[in-house]
Amino acid sequence: MDRILEKGIIETKNPLPKSRDSLTPLVPQMTNNLPNDILETVRRALAEDIGGGDITSALLPTDSVGRATLICREDAVLCGILWFDEVFRQLDDRIKIAWEVADGADIGPNQQVCQIAGPAPAMLTGERAALNFLQTLSGTATLARKYAMEVRGTKTRVLDTRKTIPGLRTAQKYAVRQGGCHNHRLGLHDGVLIKENHILAAGSLSAAVQRAREQNRGIPVEVEVESLAECREALASGADIILLDNFELVEIEEATRINAGRAKLEVSGGVELTALRRLAETGVDYISIGSLTKHVRAVDFSLRFEMQGAL
């Protein structure tokens, strides 16, 4: 329960949310390094923004106290509380935040999302960085929710990709899950995905699969294919997952028939939201969507600030 402290400061606790789903071996668990990732990502954002110091907020008396209310301006899925909180914690841990909703919650126009109170100079210094995280991650979660809703009632899972904003990989993958979709590999270190150039370098598709198995025991091997012939070859090589790249609908249906449940099937390549349901109904296991993280529109938030006196 939040409680009001002296001088209008609000105390709240925001524990790390639990995962919204249980994941298959293809879709790795969110790294246990999330708290450290948040610390470092926020540190870099503040260093980028503040540089040698906030020369505008320095005009305020150092003992001045402020209070602010965060308002959402549109329908969205909230995400980014941990990053928002960390911005203000790093600037001045006397700043207290009371959240009225949690990550993953649906929010609407003119809805009050949280209240902030504490030293005014630090609040104004951190406002933009905190909002940048919240707007971007809420935008990611909101888009993910739209895709997740399209495949409801099917076995298909919508996956993200590595096409993320530089420096925000972990944050955006967290947001994807808050929106109801799922993570593909976090990076090159935790999943094998053999593509055309890997096959050329290895000499053949089967050689690439064999080498991947020898070097990465226990990790599923995924192969990207561009034709039904390559799909058959990937099946013969014993690939665990086959990525059907830019296949037409009729080809996906045929690949599903050929596969007959032997490998997991993933569809990728320019998949539009309007086509998602039909693709899911073919029975594929996964549909990966690069636009979940690379075509993000920031959610509109407003932070209303007022002075409250002095410490």
Foldseek 3Di string as FASTA:
>chain_A
DWDADPLRAIADDDDDDDFPDDDDLQFDDQDPCVVVLLLVLLVVLLCVQAPPHDPVLVVDPQFWKKKKWKFFAAWWFWAQPSNLLSNLCVQPVSKHKAAPDDGLDIDGGGDTGIMIMDGVSSCVSSVVVSQVRGQQLRLLLRVLLLLQVLAPPFLAAEEEDQLADPSCLSSSQSSSRSSPGGYGDSDPPRAAEAEDVLQVVQVHPLSSLVVCCVVPPPHAHEYEDAALVVLVVCVVSPHQEYEHEPDDLVRLLVSCVVCVPRHAYEYEYPDDSVCSNVSRVSPHHYYYDHCSHNVGDTGDMDMGMDISGGD
